[in-house]
Amino acid sequence: MKAVGFKTSLPVEAADSFIDFEIPAPEPSGHDLLVKIKAISVNPVDYKIRQNSAKDTVLDMPRIIGWDAAGIVEAAGGAVTLFKEGDEVYYAGDINKPGSNAEYQLIDERIAGNKPVKLNDAEAAAMPLTTLTAWETLFDRMRINEKDKGKTILIIGGAGGVGSIAIQIAKKIAGLQVIATASRPETVEWCKQQGADVVVNHKNLISEVRNTGFKYVDFIIDFADTSLYWDAMAELVKPQGHIASITGAATPVALNKLKGKSVSFSWESMFTRSTFQTTDMTEQHNILNKAAALFDNGTLKTTLNKTLHGLGASNLKEAHRLQESGKAIGKTVIVF
C-alpha cells in the first residue's frame, strides 16, 4: 500500500519533512478493522507529533501519522462485533498506532463509528477528532446536562477545528448561550455561522467579555493556550463554575486562583480512552454514532473548509503548513 510518513522531525518546508513510500497492507486481528481510507483530515496534533517525535534521530522505517479518516471496512478481526465488511466508517484513531496517512489502516472497532450517511467522505473525515474532543469536554469532563440549559459558555479559539464543532454542540445540543473568541473578520463570521451568540476578541479577553454585558460565565473551554489565558479564565469564570482545556501548559498553572470561587478544572485528551484501553473505550463508538445521527438530521454540520486531492507528501506538507500558520479556519481534508 502507499503511505506518507517521515524518518526525522524537520520543518515542514524541508524536502523530506514527508516522504512517499510503499509497505505491505496490515492484517486485522482481534477487534481490528482493516479500513480502505477514502479521506483524511489534519489537526494540530499532527504537526506537533511530526515536529517532536523524531528529533535528533533518524527512524529505520518512516512513521505514519494522521488521526482522522473516513473509509470502508475491507476485513475484520475475529473479535469484531460492531461492523462488517463493506461498512462505511469514520474515526480519529489511536495516537500509539500507525495513523491514517496511508491507503489502509487498522482501527479498533470500539473507537470507530458509522459514517454519517448524508456527509460525503471529505465532510465526514473532517469531523471525528474534533467532535470527540468537544463532546467529551462538554459532557464527560464538565458533565454539562439538562439542568445547565441557558447557562453561559466561553469558547476560546472558536474558529479552529475543535472550537467550530464545540460551538455547535454547546448551542444546539447542550442549549448553552455561547460566547466565542475570534479576531479576524473572516473568523468572526465563521463563529457566527457555527451558532455563536456573541463573538469577542481574545486579545483583551476580560474587557471584551465584560463589554458585552457578562461579568462572569458559567463554563470556559480553552482550545488555544492554557497558560496564556489562565488569569483571564480565573477572573471570568463564575463562582462554582468549571474550566476545561485541551492544550496543556508550558509552565505550571496557578490552580490556587480557582480556590476562592470553588471552581473546577478538567483536562481533556481524546486519546485517553484508546491509550489506556479504558473500560468505557466503546463510548467513543457511541459518541461517533450519536454525532452521525445529528449530522444526518441537520442538527450539526461539517466544519470542512478546505479540500486537497490525492494522498502524497506534497499535500500533507500543504495541510501541515496551513495548520502551523495558525490561520486555519475549520478543517482541512485530503481526499484520496
C-alpha atoms as a PDB file:
ATOM      1  CA  MET A   1       0.000   0.000   0.000  1.00  0.00           C
ATOM      2  CA  LYS A   2       1.033   3.614  -0.487  1.00  0.00           C
ATOM      3  CA  ALA A   3       1.782   5.627   2.641  1.00  0.00           C
ATOM      4  CA  VAL A   4       3.230   9.004   3.612  1.00  0.00           C
ATOM      5  CA  GLY A   5       5.478   9.417   6.643  1.00  0.00           C
ATOM      6  CA  PHE A   6       8.715  10.847   7.994  1.00  0.00           C
ATOM      7  CA  LYS A   7      12.004   9.485   9.336  1.00  0.00           C
ATOM      8  CA  THR A   8      13.096  12.555  11.261  1.00  0.00           C
ATOM      9  CA  SER A   9      11.480  15.714  12.615  1.00  0.00           C
ATOM     10  CA  LEU A  10      12.050  18.519  10.132  1.00  0.00           C
ATOM     11  CA  PRO A  11      10.499  21.909   9.331  1.00  0.00           C
ATOM     12  CA  VAL A  12       7.556  21.427   7.008  1.00  0.00           C
ATOM     13  CA  GLU A  13       9.402  23.277   4.204  1.00  0.00           C
ATOM     14  CA  ALA A  14      12.243  20.710   4.224  1.00  0.00           C
ATOM     15  CA  ALA A  15      12.358  18.321   1.270  1.00  0.00           C
ATOM     16  CA  ASP A  16      11.997  15.218   3.453  1.00  0.00           C
ATOM     17  CA  SER A  17       9.573  16.551   6.060  1.00  0.00           C
ATOM     18  CA  PHE A  18       7.230  13.981   4.481  1.00  0.00           C
ATOM     19  CA  ILE A  19       8.169  11.125   2.169  1.00  0.00           C
ATOM     20  CA  ASP A  20       6.106   8.800  -0.032  1.00  0.00           C
ATOM     21  CA  PHE A  21       6.788   5.076   0.380  1.00  0.00           C
ATOM     22  CA  GLU A  22       5.242   1.616  -0.018  1.00  0.00           C
ATOM     23  CA  ILE A  23       4.689  -1.056   2.652  1.00  0.00           C
ATOM     24  CA  PRO A  24       2.564  -4.200   2.873  1.00  0.00           C
ATOM     25  CA  ALA A  25      -1.033  -3.602   3.948  1.00  0.00           C
ATOM     26  CA  PRO A  26      -1.625  -4.674   7.578  1.00  0.00           C
ATOM     27  CA  GLU A  27      -3.782  -7.657   8.537  1.00  0.00           C
ATOM     28  CA  PRO A  28      -6.569  -7.343  11.132  1.00  0.00           C
ATOM     29  CA  SER A  29      -6.882  -9.431  14.290  1.00  0.00           C
ATOM     30  CA  GLY A  30      -8.936  -9.194  17.472  1.00  0.00           C
ATOM     31  CA  HIS A  31     -11.033  -6.014  17.474  1.00  0.00           C
ATOM     32  CA  ASP A  32      -9.229  -4.574  14.417  1.00  0.00           C
ATOM     33  CA  LEU A  33     -10.966  -3.279  11.330  1.00  0.00           C
ATOM     34  CA  LEU A  34      -8.921  -3.061   8.134  1.00  0.00           C
ATOM     35  CA  VAL A  35     -10.148   0.173   6.553  1.00  0.00           C
ATOM     36  CA  LYS A  36      -9.552   1.303   2.988  1.00  0.00           C
ATOM     37  CA  ILE A  37      -9.252   5.031   3.537  1.00  0.00           C
ATOM     38  CA  LYS A  38     -11.132   7.465   1.312  1.00  0.00           C
ATOM     39  CA  ALA A  39     -10.310  10.794   3.013  1.00  0.00           C
ATOM     40  CA  ILE A  40      -8.330  12.159   5.960  1.00  0.00           C
ATOM     41  CA  SER A  41      -8.120  15.470   7.791  1.00  0.00           C
ATOM     42  CA  VAL A  42      -5.287  17.225   9.602  1.00  0.00           C
ATOM     43  CA  ASN A  43      -5.286  18.559  13.168  1.00  0.00           C
ATOM     44  CA  PRO A  44      -2.744  20.470  15.294  1.00  0.00           C
ATOM     45  CA  VAL A  45      -1.725  17.195  16.958  1.00  0.00           C
ATOM     46  CA  ASP A  46      -0.425  16.026  13.562  1.00  0.00           C
ATOM     47  CA  TYR A  47       2.182  18.742  13.167  1.00  0.00           C
ATOM     48  CA  LYS A  48       3.118  18.640  16.856  1.00  0.00           C
ATOM     49  CA  ILE A  49       3.894  14.923  16.574  1.00  0.00           C
ATOM     50  CA  ARG A  50       5.791  15.474  13.315  1.00  0.00           C
ATOM     51  CA  GLN A  51       7.865  18.246  14.886  1.00  0.00           C
ATOM     52  CA  ASN A  52       8.721  16.418  18.105  1.00  0.00           C
ATOM     53  CA  SER A  53       8.570  12.617  17.831  1.00  0.00           C
ATOM     54  CA  ALA A  54      11.778  12.062  15.843  1.00  0.00           C
ATOM     55  CA  LYS A  55      14.037  14.900  16.958  1.00  0.00           C
ATOM     56  CA  ASP A  56      17.788  14.291  16.627  1.00  0.00           C
ATOM     57  CA  THR A  57      17.212  10.786  15.264  1.00  0.00           C
ATOM     58  CA  VAL A  58      16.508   9.001  12.001  1.00  0.00           C
ATOM     59  CA  LEU A  59      13.923   6.217  12.192  1.00  0.00           C
ATOM     60  CA  ASP A  60      14.573   2.910  10.414  1.00  0.00           C
ATOM     61  CA  MET A  61      11.050   2.978   8.985  1.00  0.00           C
ATOM     62  CA  PRO A  62       9.035   6.122   8.288  1.00  0.00           C
ATOM     63  CA  ARG A  63       6.422   6.926  10.898  1.00  0.00           C
ATOM     64  CA  ILE A  64       2.850   7.163   9.614  1.00  0.00           C
ATOM     65  CA  ILE A  65       0.736   9.719  11.483  1.00  0.00           C
ATOM     66  CA  GLY A  66      -2.782  11.081  10.990  1.00  0.00           C
ATOM     67  CA  TRP A  67      -5.811  10.991  13.310  1.00  0.00           C
ATOM     68  CA  ASP A  68      -8.939  11.480  11.255  1.00  0.00           C
ATOM     69  CA  ALA A  69     -10.308   9.296   8.481  1.00  0.00           C
ATOM     70  CA  ALA A  70     -13.343   8.069   6.609  1.00  0.00           C
ATOM     71  CA  GLY A  71     -13.330   4.832   4.664  1.00  0.00           C
ATOM     72  CA  ILE A  72     -14.731   1.334   4.066  1.00  0.00           C
ATOM     73  CA  VAL A  73     -14.182  -1.813   6.124  1.00  0.00           C
ATOM     74  CA  GLU A  74     -12.370  -4.347   3.916  1.00  0.00           C
ATOM     75  CA  ALA A  75     -11.740  -7.026   6.559  1.00  0.00           C
ATOM     76  CA  ALA A  76     -12.288  -7.564  10.277  1.00  0.00           C
ATOM     77  CA  GLY A  77     -10.550  -9.371  13.126  1.00  0.00           C
ATOM     78  CA  GLY A  78     -12.097 -12.372  14.823  1.00  0.00           C
ATOM     79  CA  ALA A  79     -13.403 -10.438  17.835  1.00  0.00           C
ATOM     80  CA  VAL A  80     -15.211  -7.744  15.822  1.00  0.00           C
ATOM     81  CA  THR A  81     -18.955  -7.469  16.506  1.00  0.00           C
ATOM     82  CA  LEU A  82     -19.833  -3.837  15.751  1.00  0.00           C
ATOM     83  CA  PHE A  83     -19.074  -3.767  11.996  1.00  0.00           C
ATOM     84  CA  LYS A  84     -18.892  -5.982   8.928  1.00  0.00           C
ATOM     85  CA  GLU A  85     -17.090  -5.859   5.599  1.00  0.00           C
ATOM     86  CA  GLY A  86     -18.447  -3.089   3.400  1.00  0.00           C
ATOM     87  CA  ASP A  87     -19.491  -0.788   6.252  1.00  0.00           C
ATOM     88  CA  GLU A  88     -18.563   2.870   5.885  1.00  0.00           C
ATOM     89  CA  VAL A  89     -16.811   4.214   8.987  1.00  0.00           C
ATOM     90  CA  TYR A  90     -15.234   7.375  10.361  1.00  0.00           C
ATOM     91  CA  TYR A  91     -12.844   7.642  13.297  1.00  0.00           C
ATOM     92  CA  ALA A  92      -9.995   9.549  14.950  1.00  0.00           C
ATOM     93  CA  GLY A  93      -7.699   6.663  15.820  1.00  0.00           C
ATOM     94  CA  ASP A  94      -5.082   5.799  18.419  1.00  0.00           C
ATOM     95  CA  ILE A  95      -2.018   8.009  18.915  1.00  0.00           C
ATOM     96  CA  ASN A  96       0.201   4.979  19.648  1.00  0.00           C
ATOM     97  CA  LYS A  97      -0.564   3.110  16.408  1.00  0.00           C
ATOM     98  CA  PRO A  98       0.162   3.790  12.724  1.00  0.00           C
ATOM     99  CA  GLY A  99      -2.048   6.612  11.506  1.00  0.00           C
ATOM    100  CA  SER A 100      -4.348   7.409   8.626  1.00  0.00           C
ATOM    101  CA  ASN A 101      -1.864   8.909   6.147  1.00  0.00           C
ATOM    102  CA  ALA A 102      -1.967   5.696   4.121  1.00  0.00           C
ATOM    103  CA  GLU A 103      -4.226   3.724   1.791  1.00  0.00           C
ATOM    104  CA  TYR A 104      -5.133   1.213   4.513  1.00  0.00           C
ATOM    105  CA  GLN A 105      -5.224   1.354   8.320  1.00  0.00           C
ATOM    106  CA  LEU A 106      -6.082  -0.896  11.244  1.00  0.00           C
ATOM    107  CA  ILE A 107      -8.513   0.686  13.691  1.00  0.00           C
ATOM    108  CA  ASP A 108     -10.080  -0.740  16.839  1.00  0.00           C
ATOM    109  CA  GLU A 109     -13.818  -1.105  16.236  1.00  0.00           C
ATOM    110  CA  ARG A 110     -14.541   0.355  19.687  1.00  0.00           C
ATOM    111  CA  ILE A 111     -13.260   3.799  18.650  1.00  0.00           C
ATOM    112  CA  ALA A 112     -14.865   3.879  15.176  1.00  0.00           C
ATOM    113  CA  GLY A 113     -18.363   4.988  14.227  1.00  0.00           C
ATOM    114  CA  ASN A 114     -20.718   4.509  11.309  1.00  0.00           C
ATOM    115  CA  LYS A 115     -20.047   7.319   8.813  1.00  0.00           C
ATOM    116  CA  PRO A 116     -22.888   9.842   8.570  1.00  0.00           C
ATOM    117  CA  VAL A 117     -24.946   8.851   5.531  1.00  0.00           C
ATOM    118  CA  LYS A 118     -25.590  12.413   4.371  1.00  0.00           C
ATOM    119  CA  LEU A 119     -21.935  13.518   4.545  1.00  0.00           C
ATOM    120  CA  ASN A 120     -19.527  12.685   1.741  1.00  0.00           C
ATOM    121  CA  ASP A 121     -16.104  11.237   2.536  1.00  0.00           C
ATOM    122  CA  ALA A 122     -14.426  14.639   2.855  1.00  0.00           C
ATOM    123  CA  GLU A 123     -17.174  16.096   5.041  1.00  0.00           C
ATOM    124  CA  ALA A 124     -17.100  13.048   7.321  1.00  0.00           C
ATOM    125  CA  ALA A 125     -13.301  12.796   7.584  1.00  0.00           C
ATOM    126  CA  ALA A 126     -13.227  16.371   8.889  1.00  0.00           C
ATOM    127  CA  MET A 127     -15.214  15.539  11.998  1.00  0.00           C
ATOM    128  CA  PRO A 128     -14.155  12.599  14.252  1.00  0.00           C
ATOM    129  CA  LEU A 129     -11.279  14.003  16.336  1.00  0.00           C
ATOM    130  CA  THR A 130     -12.793  17.427  16.880  1.00  0.00           C
ATOM    131  CA  THR A 131     -16.275  16.065  17.567  1.00  0.00           C
ATOM    132  CA  LEU A 132     -14.991  13.534  20.102  1.00  0.00           C
ATOM    133  CA  THR A 133     -12.837  16.185  21.781  1.00  0.00           C
ATOM    134  CA  ALA A 134     -15.657  18.717  22.047  1.00  0.00           C
ATOM    135  CA  TRP A 135     -18.247  16.119  23.115  1.00  0.00           C
ATOM    136  CA  GLU A 136     -16.008  14.606  25.791  1.00  0.00           C
ATOM    137  CA  THR A 137     -15.056  18.052  27.097  1.00  0.00           C
ATOM    138  CA  LEU A 138     -18.641  19.220  27.453  1.00  0.00           C
ATOM    139  CA  PHE A 139     -20.351  16.054  28.638  1.00  0.00           C
ATOM    140  CA  ASP A 140     -17.690  13.746  30.131  1.00  0.00           C
ATOM    141  CA  ARG A 141     -15.301  16.254  31.736  1.00  0.00           C
ATOM    142  CA  MET A 142     -17.573  19.220  32.543  1.00  0.00           C
ATOM    143  CA  ARG A 143     -20.661  16.996  32.999  1.00  0.00           C
ATOM    144  CA  ILE A 144     -22.979  19.546  31.397  1.00  0.00           C
ATOM    145  CA  ASN A 145     -26.549  18.261  31.371  1.00  0.00           C
ATOM    146  CA  GLU A 146     -30.201  19.246  31.075  1.00  0.00           C
ATOM    147  CA  LYS A 147     -30.170  21.448  34.182  1.00  0.00           C
ATOM    148  CA  ASP A 148     -27.482  23.654  32.612  1.00  0.00           C
ATOM    149  CA  LYS A 149     -29.584  24.800  29.651  1.00  0.00           C
ATOM    150  CA  GLY A 150     -29.465  28.565  29.273  1.00  0.00           C
ATOM    151  CA  LYS A 151     -26.158  28.938  31.106  1.00  0.00           C
ATOM    152  CA  THR A 152     -23.191  30.681  29.501  1.00  0.00           C
ATOM    153  CA  ILE A 153     -20.038  29.198  27.993  1.00  0.00           C
ATOM    154  CA  LEU A 154     -16.915  30.965  26.724  1.00  0.00           C
ATOM    155  CA  ILE A 155     -15.076  29.066  23.988  1.00  0.00           C
ATOM    156  CA  ILE A 156     -11.529  30.331  23.457  1.00  0.00           C
ATOM    157  CA  GLY A 157     -10.399  29.545  19.904  1.00  0.00           C
ATOM    158  CA  GLY A 158     -13.812  29.446  18.290  1.00  0.00           C
ATOM    159  CA  ALA A 159     -12.800  29.274  14.620  1.00  0.00           C
ATOM    160  CA  GLY A 160     -10.427  26.324  14.883  1.00  0.00           C
ATOM    161  CA  GLY A 161     -11.390  22.740  14.224  1.00  0.00           C
ATOM    162  CA  VAL A 162     -12.436  21.851  17.764  1.00  0.00           C
ATOM    163  CA  GLY A 163     -13.862  25.278  18.516  1.00  0.00           C
ATOM    164  CA  SER A 164     -16.070  25.183  15.422  1.00  0.00           C
ATOM    165  CA  ILE A 165     -17.865  21.971  16.362  1.00  0.00           C
ATOM    166  CA  ALA A 166     -17.810  22.825  20.087  1.00  0.00           C
ATOM    167  CA  ILE A 167     -19.838  25.969  19.325  1.00  0.00           C
ATOM    168  CA  GLN A 168     -22.417  23.849  17.508  1.00  0.00           C
ATOM    169  CA  ILE A 169     -22.647  21.176  20.215  1.00  0.00           C
ATOM    170  CA  ALA A 170     -22.764  23.708  23.060  1.00  0.00           C
ATOM    171  CA  LYS A 171     -25.512  25.696  21.334  1.00  0.00           C
ATOM    172  CA  LYS A 172     -27.621  23.020  19.670  1.00  0.00           C
ATOM    173  CA  ILE A 173     -27.192  20.004  21.970  1.00  0.00           C
ATOM    174  CA  ALA A 174     -26.393  21.484  25.385  1.00  0.00           C
ATOM    175  CA  GLY A 175     -28.626  24.547  24.945  1.00  0.00           C
ATOM    176  CA  LEU A 176     -25.990  26.971  26.231  1.00  0.00           C
ATOM    177  CA  GLN A 177     -25.507  30.654  25.449  1.00  0.00           C
ATOM    178  CA  VAL A 178     -22.224  30.674  23.519  1.00  0.00           C
ATOM    179  CA  ILE A 179     -19.522  33.342  23.608  1.00  0.00           C
ATOM    180  CA  ALA A 180     -16.653  32.531  21.224  1.00  0.00           C
ATOM    181  CA  THR A 181     -13.328  34.246  20.589  1.00  0.00           C
ATOM    182  CA  ALA A 182     -12.033  35.317  17.175  1.00  0.00           C
ATOM    183  CA  SER A 183     -10.019  38.295  15.966  1.00  0.00           C
ATOM    184  CA  ARG A 184     -10.281  38.490  12.165  1.00  0.00           C
ATOM    185  CA  PRO A 185     -13.404  39.404  10.179  1.00  0.00           C
ATOM    186  CA  GLU A 186     -13.456  36.009   8.477  1.00  0.00           C
ATOM    187  CA  THR A 187     -13.071  34.082  11.756  1.00  0.00           C
ATOM    188  CA  VAL A 188     -15.705  36.217  13.482  1.00  0.00           C
ATOM    189  CA  GLU A 189     -18.133  35.439  10.657  1.00  0.00           C
ATOM    190  CA  TRP A 190     -17.229  31.722  10.782  1.00  0.00           C
ATOM    191  CA  CYS A 191     -18.007  31.555  14.520  1.00  0.00           C
ATOM    192  CA  LYS A 192     -21.361  33.219  13.932  1.00  0.00           C
ATOM    193  CA  GLN A 193     -22.124  30.688  11.199  1.00  0.00           C
ATOM    194  CA  GLN A 194     -21.444  27.871  13.687  1.00  0.00           C
ATOM    195  CA  GLY A 195     -24.026  29.362  16.054  1.00  0.00           C
ATOM    196  CA  ALA A 196     -22.109  31.610  18.459  1.00  0.00           C
ATOM    197  CA  ASP A 197     -24.394  34.140  20.150  1.00  0.00           C
ATOM    198  CA  VAL A 198     -21.548  36.578  20.801  1.00  0.00           C
ATOM    199  CA  VAL A 199     -18.022  36.782  19.342  1.00  0.00           C
ATOM    200  CA  VAL A 200     -15.280  38.653  21.221  1.00  0.00           C
ATOM    201  CA  ASN A 201     -11.620  39.405  20.544  1.00  0.00           C
ATOM    202  CA  HIS A 202      -9.269  37.167  22.518  1.00  0.00           C
ATOM    203  CA  LYS A 203      -6.583  39.875  22.701  1.00  0.00           C
ATOM    204  CA  ASN A 204      -8.288  41.772  25.546  1.00  0.00           C
ATOM    205  CA  LEU A 205     -10.414  38.927  26.792  1.00  0.00           C
ATOM    206  CA  ILE A 206     -11.641  40.200  30.162  1.00  0.00           C
ATOM    207  CA  SER A 207     -12.706  43.627  28.941  1.00  0.00           C
ATOM    208  CA  GLU A 208     -14.111  42.192  25.702  1.00  0.00           C
ATOM    209  CA  VAL A 209     -16.364  39.744  27.555  1.00  0.00           C
ATOM    210  CA  ARG A 210     -17.448  42.313  30.129  1.00  0.00           C
ATOM    211  CA  ASN A 211     -18.192  44.915  27.470  1.00  0.00           C
ATOM    212  CA  THR A 212     -20.813  42.530  26.080  1.00  0.00           C
ATOM    213  CA  GLY A 213     -22.615  42.514  29.438  1.00  0.00           C
ATOM    214  CA  PHE A 214     -21.275  39.315  31.002  1.00  0.00           C
ATOM    215  CA  LYS A 215     -19.427  39.788  34.307  1.00  0.00           C
ATOM    216  CA  TYR A 216     -18.905  36.036  34.727  1.00  0.00           C
ATOM    217  CA  VAL A 217     -19.578  32.933  32.622  1.00  0.00           C
ATOM    218  CA  ASP A 218     -20.597  29.507  33.909  1.00  0.00           C
ATOM    219  CA  PHE A 219     -18.231  27.450  31.753  1.00  0.00           C
ATOM    220  CA  ILE A 220     -14.977  28.180  29.916  1.00  0.00           C
ATOM    221  CA  ILE A 221     -13.181  25.910  27.441  1.00  0.00           C
ATOM    222  CA  ASP A 222      -9.673  26.724  26.232  1.00  0.00           C
ATOM    223  CA  PHE A 223      -8.785  25.478  22.756  1.00  0.00           C
ATOM    224  CA  ALA A 224      -5.868  27.890  22.315  1.00  0.00           C
ATOM    225  CA  ASP A 225      -3.305  28.276  25.131  1.00  0.00           C
ATOM    226  CA  THR A 226      -3.929  27.376  28.778  1.00  0.00           C
ATOM    227  CA  SER A 227      -1.028  29.377  30.191  1.00  0.00           C
ATOM    228  CA  LEU A 228      -1.729  32.495  28.129  1.00  0.00           C
ATOM    229  CA  TYR A 229      -5.398  32.689  29.145  1.00  0.00           C
ATOM    230  CA  TRP A 230      -5.201  31.269  32.676  1.00  0.00           C
ATOM    231  CA  ASP A 231      -5.503  34.555  34.565  1.00  0.00           C
ATOM    232  CA  ALA A 232      -8.346  35.757  32.326  1.00  0.00           C
ATOM    233  CA  MET A 233     -10.215  32.473  32.736  1.00  0.00           C
ATOM    234  CA  ALA A 234      -9.784  32.567  36.509  1.00  0.00           C
ATOM    235  CA  GLU A 235     -11.216  36.095  36.559  1.00  0.00           C
ATOM    236  CA  LEU A 236     -14.118  35.470  34.167  1.00  0.00           C
ATOM    237  CA  VAL A 237     -15.387  32.124  35.443  1.00  0.00           C
ATOM    238  CA  LYS A 238     -18.438  32.258  37.669  1.00  0.00           C
ATOM    239  CA  PRO A 239     -18.150  31.079  41.291  1.00  0.00           C
ATOM    240  CA  GLN A 240     -18.683  27.297  41.337  1.00  0.00           C
ATOM    241  CA  GLY A 241     -18.118  27.267  37.583  1.00  0.00           C
ATOM    242  CA  HIS A 242     -15.947  24.932  35.507  1.00  0.00           C
ATOM    243  CA  ILE A 243     -12.935  25.453  33.241  1.00  0.00           C
ATOM    244  CA  ALA A 244     -11.609  22.829  30.824  1.00  0.00           C
ATOM    245  CA  SER A 245      -8.677  22.790  28.422  1.00  0.00           C
ATOM    246  CA  ILE A 246      -7.202  20.574  25.725  1.00  0.00           C
ATOM    247  CA  THR A 247      -3.976  22.497  25.119  1.00  0.00           C
ATOM    248  CA  GLY A 248      -1.675  21.643  28.005  1.00  0.00           C
ATOM    249  CA  ALA A 249       0.530  24.221  29.680  1.00  0.00           C
ATOM    250  CA  ALA A 250       4.185  25.022  29.018  1.00  0.00           C
ATOM    251  CA  THR A 251       4.512  26.202  32.616  1.00  0.00           C
ATOM    252  CA  PRO A 252       2.521  25.168  35.710  1.00  0.00           C
ATOM    253  CA  VAL A 253      -0.775  26.999  36.121  1.00  0.00           C
ATOM    254  CA  ALA A 254      -1.799  28.527  39.450  1.00  0.00           C
ATOM    255  CA  LEU A 255      -4.722  26.325  40.477  1.00  0.00           C
ATOM    256  CA  ASN A 256      -4.999  28.273  43.726  1.00  0.00           C
ATOM    257  CA  LYS A 257      -6.521  31.135  41.710  1.00  0.00           C
ATOM    258  CA  LEU A 258      -9.643  28.978  41.415  1.00  0.00           C
ATOM    259  CA  LYS A 259      -9.916  28.167  45.131  1.00  0.00           C
ATOM    260  CA  GLY A 260     -11.838  31.220  46.338  1.00  0.00           C
ATOM    261  CA  LYS A 261     -14.571  30.627  43.766  1.00  0.00           C
ATOM    262  CA  SER A 262     -14.621  26.823  44.263  1.00  0.00           C
ATOM    263  CA  VAL A 263     -14.081  26.426  40.525  1.00  0.00           C
ATOM    264  CA  SER A 264     -13.462  23.003  38.968  1.00  0.00           C
ATOM    265  CA  PHE A 265     -10.804  22.393  36.302  1.00  0.00           C
ATOM    266  CA  SER A 266     -10.537  19.492  33.839  1.00  0.00           C
ATOM    267  CA  TRP A 267      -8.090  18.385  31.181  1.00  0.00           C
ATOM    268  CA  GLU A 268      -9.398  16.633  28.064  1.00  0.00           C
ATOM    269  CA  SER A 269      -7.441  14.327  25.783  1.00  0.00           C
ATOM    270  CA  MET A 270      -9.352  12.438  23.133  1.00  0.00           C
ATOM    271  CA  PHE A 271      -6.662   9.750  23.154  1.00  0.00           C
ATOM    272  CA  THR A 272      -7.086   8.800  26.827  1.00  0.00           C
ATOM    273  CA  ARG A 273      -9.588   6.011  26.212  1.00  0.00           C
ATOM    274  CA  SER A 274      -7.584   4.264  23.470  1.00  0.00           C
ATOM    275  CA  THR A 275      -4.180   4.832  25.099  1.00  0.00           C
ATOM    276  CA  PHE A 276      -5.199   3.282  28.397  1.00  0.00           C
ATOM    277  CA  GLN A 277      -7.761   0.819  26.989  1.00  0.00           C
ATOM    278  CA  THR A 278     -10.278   2.155  29.499  1.00  0.00           C
ATOM    279  CA  THR A 279     -13.285   0.057  30.445  1.00  0.00           C
ATOM    280  CA  ASP A 280     -15.544   2.578  28.701  1.00  0.00           C
ATOM    281  CA  MET A 281     -13.492   2.679  25.495  1.00  0.00           C
ATOM    282  CA  THR A 282     -16.574   1.800  23.418  1.00  0.00           C
ATOM    283  CA  GLU A 283     -18.060   5.147  24.453  1.00  0.00           C
ATOM    284  CA  GLN A 284     -16.157   6.731  21.543  1.00  0.00           C
ATOM    285  CA  HIS A 285     -18.001   4.385  19.167  1.00  0.00           C
ATOM    286  CA  ASN A 286     -21.253   5.501  20.808  1.00  0.00           C
ATOM    287  CA  ILE A 287     -20.391   9.215  20.618  1.00  0.00           C
ATOM    288  CA  LEU A 288     -19.481   8.985  16.932  1.00  0.00           C
ATOM    289  CA  ASN A 289     -22.771   7.208  16.196  1.00  0.00           C
ATOM    290  CA  LYS A 290     -24.758   9.820  18.146  1.00  0.00           C
ATOM    291  CA  ALA A 291     -22.935  12.546  16.218  1.00  0.00           C
ATOM    292  CA  ALA A 292     -23.593  10.762  12.897  1.00  0.00           C
ATOM    293  CA  ALA A 293     -27.329  10.880  13.589  1.00  0.00           C
ATOM    294  CA  LEU A 294     -27.048  14.587  14.377  1.00  0.00           C
ATOM    295  CA  PHE A 295     -25.145  15.265  11.141  1.00  0.00           C
ATOM    296  CA  ASP A 296     -27.716  13.272   9.210  1.00  0.00           C
ATOM    297  CA  ASN A 297     -30.718  15.121  10.651  1.00  0.00           C
ATOM    298  CA  GLY A 298     -29.078  18.519  10.124  1.00  0.00           C
ATOM    299  CA  THR A 299     -28.608  19.448  13.788  1.00  0.00           C
ATOM    300  CA  LEU A 300     -24.840  19.503  13.316  1.00  0.00           C
ATOM    301  CA  LYS A 301     -22.946  20.430  10.157  1.00  0.00           C
ATOM    302  CA  THR A 302     -19.484  19.551   8.921  1.00  0.00           C
ATOM    303  CA  THR A 303     -16.721  22.089   9.560  1.00  0.00           C
ATOM    304  CA  LEU A 304     -14.843  21.185   6.366  1.00  0.00           C
ATOM    305  CA  ASN A 305     -13.377  24.367   4.896  1.00  0.00           C
ATOM    306  CA  LYS A 306     -10.561  23.319   2.521  1.00  0.00           C
ATOM    307  CA  THR A 307     -10.156  20.185   0.397  1.00  0.00           C
ATOM    308  CA  LEU A 308      -6.954  18.861  -1.211  1.00  0.00           C
ATOM    309  CA  HIS A 309      -6.924  15.912  -3.617  1.00  0.00           C
ATOM    310  CA  GLY A 310      -4.509  12.971  -3.597  1.00  0.00           C
ATOM    311  CA  LEU A 311      -2.541  11.023  -0.975  1.00  0.00           C
ATOM    312  CA  GLY A 312       1.030  12.277  -1.227  1.00  0.00           C
ATOM    313  CA  ALA A 313       3.820  14.091   0.584  1.00  0.00           C
ATOM    314  CA  SER A 314       3.100  17.391  -1.182  1.00  0.00           C
ATOM    315  CA  ASN A 315      -0.499  17.540   0.051  1.00  0.00           C
ATOM    316  CA  LEU A 316       0.464  16.545   3.598  1.00  0.00           C
ATOM    317  CA  LYS A 317       3.056  19.332   3.574  1.00  0.00           C
ATOM    318  CA  GLU A 318       0.440  21.846   2.414  1.00  0.00           C
ATOM    319  CA  ALA A 319      -2.063  20.742   5.061  1.00  0.00           C
ATOM    320  CA  HIS A 320       0.559  20.906   7.823  1.00  0.00           C
ATOM    321  CA  ARG A 321       1.783  24.294   6.599  1.00  0.00           C
ATOM    322  CA  LEU A 322      -1.751  25.645   6.904  1.00  0.00           C
ATOM    323  CA  GLN A 323      -2.186  24.209  10.418  1.00  0.00           C
ATOM    324  CA  GLU A 324       1.146  25.602  11.581  1.00  0.00           C
ATOM    325  CA  SER A 325       0.275  29.068  10.301  1.00  0.00           C
ATOM    326  CA  GLY A 326      -2.399  29.447  12.974  1.00  0.00           C
ATOM    327  CA  LYS A 327      -4.696  30.842  10.270  1.00  0.00           C
ATOM    328  CA  ALA A 328      -6.690  27.682   9.549  1.00  0.00           C
ATOM    329  CA  ILE A 329     -10.463  28.072   9.760  1.00  0.00           C
ATOM    330  CA  GLY A 330     -12.471  24.908  10.319  1.00  0.00           C
ATOM    331  CA  LYS A 331     -10.922  21.737   8.897  1.00  0.00           C
ATOM    332  CA  THR A 332      -8.575  20.862   6.017  1.00  0.00           C
ATOM    333  CA  VAL A 333      -9.197  17.488   4.332  1.00  0.00           C
ATOM    334  CA  ILE A 334      -7.278  15.371   1.817  1.00  0.00           C
ATOM    335  CA  VAL A 335      -9.406  13.133  -0.424  1.00  0.00           C
ATOM    336  CA  PHE A 336      -7.614  10.109  -1.893  1.00  0.00           C
END
